[in-house]
Amino acid sequence: MKKECLFYFKLNKDGEIKLLRANFMLDQNAEPTVADFIRCFRRLGYDTELSGRLSLTFRTTNTTPAYIIEVTKVTIRGETEETPFIDWERQAILKELLQLNA
């Protein structure tokens, strides 16, 4: 069984701050690591490296213009029976397919 790591972050690029969110999947007994966040940012098109471990702050690596990403909130879903993991993306795709075949 997998669980979902949903996180919110601030992207500071050229003095403009955007509030964004992203997610990645974890094995049931795993905790999120810095490498997981870097992989997720890379998947989103941000090539980053850790610049502040305690504040979970990341900066660009060889990218112009430079930007800073600060993770502001991390939520793990699917950890307990009270918070079951629901794959909303998969459910939306299935719903669309079922409507097309109806």
Foldseek 3Di string as FASTA:
>chain_A
DKKKKKWWKWKQFPNDIDIDIDMDIDHLPDDDDLVNVQVRVVVVVARWDADDPVQRKIWGDPDPPIMIMTIDDIDIACNDPVGRDDPVVVVVVVVVVVVVVD
